[in-house]
């Protein structure tokens, strides 16, 4: 079955947004509200076991002695922090930008040249996606994607396959005609549960985490080094032709 569309995850896949964007914005929100918390890179990595920024925050507050003991008050505080965090994230991306990971821009160009459609399949908010891609791709970023499915459309977090099923419905494609690009075990599991083949480009927080069910996994789309199974070419980046090869092997 030929490859007709790439389905992109966002956080950790398009850019290192978790470490360099969301974590920083959460800490700014804590400080702005006078709260005694600061998430280190290590602590945030631990919290990524909980899918979803708000859910991650609620999980952490439930363990904090300084957080409100009343669940309803704690939930209201979490919602307030999360709204402020999203504002800070958008401000940060607009002011300084978050670079896309190596090889991403080139792969986007490959798809455009070859007529392979692309979609966003993420359970982060549409506002966060727009903030990142407006800065990285320009004001017309939306036109590069045949479908953009975010948390508003797919509220069930990965590893639930809801976001991938909605993306397939929007594209009117069968799962085997697509390929997902993910960075995490939960994301890969979501794609696999929807029947979508997946290639894992490992992010900073999942560099050594075991992932099952993928066609291939490696450290960066910007280089063929370190991929398993090995790329066909001995040097250069992971291009669309290489993704097509892996896709064909899994068909």
Protein backbone atom coordinates (compact mmCIF):
# COMPACT_ATOMS: atom_id res chain seq x y z
CA UNK A 1 0.00 0.00 0.00
CA UNK A 2 1.53 3.33 -1.04
CA UNK A 3 2.27 6.13 1.40
CA UNK A 4 -0.15 9.00 0.85
CA UNK A 5 0.15 11.07 4.05
CA UNK A 6 2.43 11.75 7.01
CA UNK A 7 0.77 12.31 10.38
CA UNK A 8 2.88 14.50 12.64
CA UNK A 9 2.88 14.57 16.40
CA UNK A 10 3.92 17.98 17.74
CA UNK A 11 5.45 18.09 21.23
CA UNK A 12 8.85 16.40 21.13
CA UNK A 13 8.49 15.42 17.45
CA UNK A 14 8.31 18.69 15.52
CA UNK A 15 10.27 20.54 18.23
CA UNK A 16 11.63 19.98 21.74
CA UNK A 17 8.67 21.86 23.12
CA UNK A 18 8.36 19.91 26.38
CA UNK A 19 11.81 20.67 27.75
CA UNK A 20 12.39 24.10 26.22
CA UNK A 21 8.86 25.47 26.01
CA UNK A 22 6.11 24.01 28.20
CA UNK A 23 8.34 23.32 31.22
CA UNK A 24 9.74 26.86 31.14
CA UNK A 25 6.24 28.34 30.79
CA UNK A 26 4.92 26.27 33.71
CA UNK A 27 7.72 27.58 35.93
CA UNK A 28 6.98 31.16 34.88
CA UNK A 29 3.34 30.63 35.82
CA UNK A 30 4.29 29.19 39.22
CA UNK A 31 6.51 32.17 39.96
CA UNK A 32 3.99 34.73 38.70
CA UNK A 33 1.35 33.34 41.08
CA UNK A 34 3.76 33.22 44.00
CA UNK A 35 3.71 29.42 44.17
CA UNK A 36 6.66 27.57 45.71
CA UNK A 37 7.30 25.18 42.81
CA UNK A 38 9.88 24.93 40.06
CA UNK A 39 10.04 21.90 37.78
CA UNK A 40 13.57 20.82 36.95
CA UNK A 41 14.28 19.07 33.66
CA UNK A 42 14.48 15.79 35.56
CA UNK A 43 11.20 16.31 37.41
CA UNK A 44 9.38 17.33 34.27
CA UNK A 45 10.67 14.21 32.56
CA UNK A 46 9.16 12.13 35.35
CA UNK A 47 5.86 13.96 35.02
CA UNK A 48 5.68 13.19 31.31
CA UNK A 49 4.49 9.73 32.30
CA UNK A 50 1.14 11.54 32.75
CA UNK A 51 -0.35 12.51 29.38
CA UNK A 52 -1.61 16.07 28.99
CA UNK A 53 -0.32 19.31 30.48
CA UNK A 54 -3.31 19.99 32.72
CA UNK A 55 -3.47 16.36 33.83
CA UNK A 56 0.28 16.43 34.53
CA UNK A 57 -0.16 19.54 36.66
CA UNK A 58 -3.10 18.08 38.57
CA UNK A 59 -1.09 14.93 39.26
CA UNK A 60 1.83 16.92 40.66
CA UNK A 61 -0.32 19.24 42.79
CA UNK A 62 -1.92 16.22 44.44
CA UNK A 63 1.53 15.34 45.82
CA UNK A 64 2.51 18.86 46.95
CA UNK A 65 2.08 19.67 50.66
CA UNK A 66 1.68 23.37 49.84
CA UNK A 67 -1.18 22.74 47.39
CA UNK A 68 -4.81 23.16 48.52
CA UNK A 69 -6.12 20.03 50.22
CA UNK A 70 -9.66 20.51 48.92
CA UNK A 71 -9.89 18.78 45.50
CA UNK A 72 -12.20 21.40 44.01
CA UNK A 73 -9.95 24.27 45.10
CA UNK A 74 -6.90 22.40 43.85
CA UNK A 75 -8.56 21.78 40.48
CA UNK A 76 -9.42 25.48 40.16
CA UNK A 77 -5.81 26.42 40.94
CA UNK A 78 -4.54 23.93 38.36
CA UNK A 79 -6.85 25.40 35.72
CA UNK A 80 -5.64 28.92 36.54
CA UNK A 81 -1.98 27.88 36.34
CA UNK A 82 -2.56 26.06 33.08
CA UNK A 83 -4.25 29.04 31.42
CA UNK A 84 -1.39 31.32 32.47
CA UNK A 85 1.16 28.75 31.35
CA UNK A 86 -0.38 28.65 27.86
CA UNK A 87 -0.20 32.44 27.69
CA UNK A 88 3.47 32.40 28.65
CA UNK A 89 4.17 29.62 26.14
CA UNK A 90 2.62 31.64 23.31
CA UNK A 91 4.56 34.75 24.39
CA UNK A 92 7.82 32.81 24.54
CA UNK A 93 7.38 31.27 21.11
CA UNK A 94 6.40 34.62 19.58
CA UNK A 95 9.34 36.43 21.17
CA UNK A 96 12.19 33.94 20.76
CA UNK A 97 10.80 31.02 18.76
CA UNK A 98 11.33 27.34 19.32
CA UNK A 99 13.35 25.79 16.50
CA UNK A 100 12.00 22.76 14.74
CA UNK A 101 14.07 19.64 15.23
CA UNK A 102 16.78 18.85 12.65
CA UNK A 103 15.43 17.37 9.46
CA UNK A 104 11.83 18.47 10.01
CA UNK A 105 11.79 21.41 7.60
CA UNK A 106 13.49 19.33 4.94
CA UNK A 107 10.97 16.50 5.33
CA UNK A 108 8.09 18.97 5.08
CA UNK A 109 9.60 20.18 1.82
CA UNK A 110 9.99 16.59 0.57
CA UNK A 111 6.30 15.96 1.12
CA UNK A 112 5.25 19.18 -0.59
CA UNK A 113 7.40 18.36 -3.62
CA UNK A 114 6.13 14.78 -3.86
CA UNK A 115 2.46 15.54 -3.26
CA UNK A 116 2.34 13.53 -0.06
CA UNK A 117 -0.24 15.10 2.22
CA UNK A 118 0.49 15.96 5.83
CA UNK A 119 -1.59 16.22 8.97
CA UNK A 120 -1.11 17.25 12.58
CA UNK A 121 -2.29 14.62 15.08
CA UNK A 122 -1.72 15.91 18.58
CA UNK A 123 -3.54 16.18 21.89
CA UNK A 124 -1.97 19.51 22.75
CA UNK A 125 -4.16 22.58 22.25
CA UNK A 126 -4.72 24.20 18.90
CA UNK A 127 -3.43 27.48 20.32
CA UNK A 128 -0.12 25.87 21.27
CA UNK A 129 0.22 24.29 17.82
CA UNK A 130 -0.52 27.60 16.13
CA UNK A 131 1.98 29.45 18.33
CA UNK A 132 4.77 27.01 17.46
CA UNK A 133 4.11 26.67 13.73
CA UNK A 134 3.35 30.33 13.11
CA UNK A 135 6.82 31.10 14.40
CA UNK A 136 8.52 28.24 12.56
CA UNK A 137 6.63 28.20 9.24
CA UNK A 138 5.04 31.64 8.99
CA UNK A 139 1.49 32.94 9.05
CA UNK A 140 0.38 30.54 6.31
CA UNK A 141 1.47 27.41 8.17
CA UNK A 142 -2.05 25.96 8.24
CA UNK A 143 -2.10 25.64 4.47
CA UNK A 144 0.72 23.09 4.55
CA UNK A 145 -1.46 20.54 6.35
CA UNK A 146 -4.48 18.74 4.95
CA UNK A 147 -5.78 18.17 8.49
CA UNK A 148 -5.01 19.60 11.91
CA UNK A 149 -6.46 17.56 14.79
CA UNK A 150 -5.74 18.87 18.28
CA UNK A 151 -7.01 18.51 21.85
CA UNK A 152 -10.20 20.41 21.10
CA UNK A 153 -11.24 17.76 18.58
CA UNK A 154 -9.61 14.79 20.34
CA UNK A 155 -9.80 15.30 24.11
CA UNK A 156 -8.76 11.74 24.95
CA UNK A 157 -5.01 11.79 25.47
CA UNK A 158 -2.56 9.43 23.84
CA UNK A 159 -2.16 6.43 24.06
CA UNK A 160 -5.86 6.57 23.23
CA UNK A 161 -6.08 6.35 19.40
CA UNK A 162 -8.87 8.94 19.09
CA UNK A 163 -6.66 11.64 17.52
CA UNK A 164 -5.36 9.27 14.84
CA UNK A 165 -8.79 7.94 13.99
CA UNK A 166 -10.08 11.48 13.57
CA UNK A 167 -7.11 12.39 11.37
CA UNK A 168 -7.75 9.36 9.16
CA UNK A 169 -11.43 10.28 8.89
CA UNK A 170 -10.57 13.86 7.94
CA UNK A 171 -8.08 12.73 5.30
CA UNK A 172 -10.43 9.97 4.08
CA UNK A 173 -7.49 7.54 4.04
CA UNK A 174 -6.96 4.04 5.30
CA UNK A 175 -4.49 3.61 8.15
CA UNK A 176 -2.07 1.68 5.96
CA UNK A 177 -1.84 4.61 3.52
CA UNK A 178 -0.37 6.83 6.22
CA UNK A 179 2.67 6.97 8.48
CA UNK A 180 2.85 8.57 11.92
CA UNK A 181 5.90 10.37 13.25
CA UNK A 182 6.10 10.20 17.04
CA UNK A 183 8.66 10.58 19.81
CA UNK A 184 7.14 8.79 22.81
CA UNK A 185 5.81 5.37 23.82
CA UNK A 186 2.32 6.80 24.38
CA UNK A 187 2.27 8.43 20.97
CA UNK A 188 3.50 5.28 19.24
CA UNK A 189 0.89 3.22 21.08
CA UNK A 190 -1.87 5.62 19.97
CA UNK A 191 -0.84 5.32 16.33
CA UNK A 192 -0.54 1.52 16.51
CA UNK A 193 -3.96 1.22 18.17
CA UNK A 194 -5.44 3.07 15.18
CA UNK A 195 -3.59 0.75 12.79
CA UNK A 196 -1.26 3.54 11.64
CA UNK A 197 2.38 2.50 11.04
CA UNK A 198 4.75 4.63 13.09
CA UNK A 199 8.34 5.84 12.95
CA UNK A 200 9.80 7.13 16.21
CA UNK A 201 12.22 10.05 16.22
CA UNK A 202 13.31 10.02 19.83
CA UNK A 203 13.17 13.28 21.78
CA UNK A 204 15.28 14.42 24.72
CA UNK A 205 12.91 12.96 27.30
CA UNK A 206 12.46 9.61 25.54
CA UNK A 207 15.98 9.09 24.22
CA UNK A 208 16.38 5.70 25.89
CA UNK A 209 12.78 4.69 26.56
CA UNK A 210 11.62 1.37 25.13
CA UNK A 211 9.02 1.75 22.39
CA UNK A 212 7.18 -1.15 20.80
CA UNK A 213 5.36 -1.60 17.51
CA UNK A 214 7.25 0.93 15.40
CA UNK A 215 8.67 0.41 11.90
CA UNK A 216 11.87 2.26 12.79
CA UNK A 217 13.34 4.36 15.57
CA UNK A 218 16.25 6.75 15.74
CA UNK A 219 17.57 9.88 17.43
CA UNK A 220 16.88 12.49 14.73
CA UNK A 221 15.39 13.00 11.30
CA UNK A 222 18.41 15.18 10.61
CA UNK A 223 20.78 12.22 10.38
CA UNK A 224 20.66 8.59 9.27
CA UNK A 225 23.05 7.65 12.07
CA UNK A 226 21.68 5.55 14.93
CA UNK A 227 18.51 4.32 13.23
CA UNK A 228 17.19 0.81 13.64
CA UNK A 229 16.65 -0.70 11.15
CA UNK A 230 19.43 1.10 9.36
CA UNK A 231 18.62 3.62 6.68
CA UNK A 232 19.44 2.66 3.10
CA UNK A 233 21.82 5.57 2.59
CA UNK A 234 25.07 5.76 4.55
CA UNK A 235 25.00 9.52 5.12
CA UNK A 236 22.63 12.46 5.12
CA UNK A 237 19.21 12.90 6.68
CA UNK A 238 16.11 10.72 6.92
CA UNK A 239 14.20 11.84 3.83
CA UNK A 240 10.80 10.96 2.41
CA UNK A 241 12.31 8.21 0.25
CA UNK A 242 13.63 6.49 3.38
CA UNK A 243 10.25 6.74 5.11
CA UNK A 244 8.66 5.19 2.03
CA UNK A 245 11.11 2.28 2.27
CA UNK A 246 10.30 1.64 5.91
CA UNK A 247 6.61 2.00 5.20
CA UNK A 248 6.79 -0.54 2.37
CA UNK A 249 8.57 -3.04 4.61
CA UNK A 250 5.71 -2.81 7.09
CA UNK A 251 2.92 -3.12 4.55
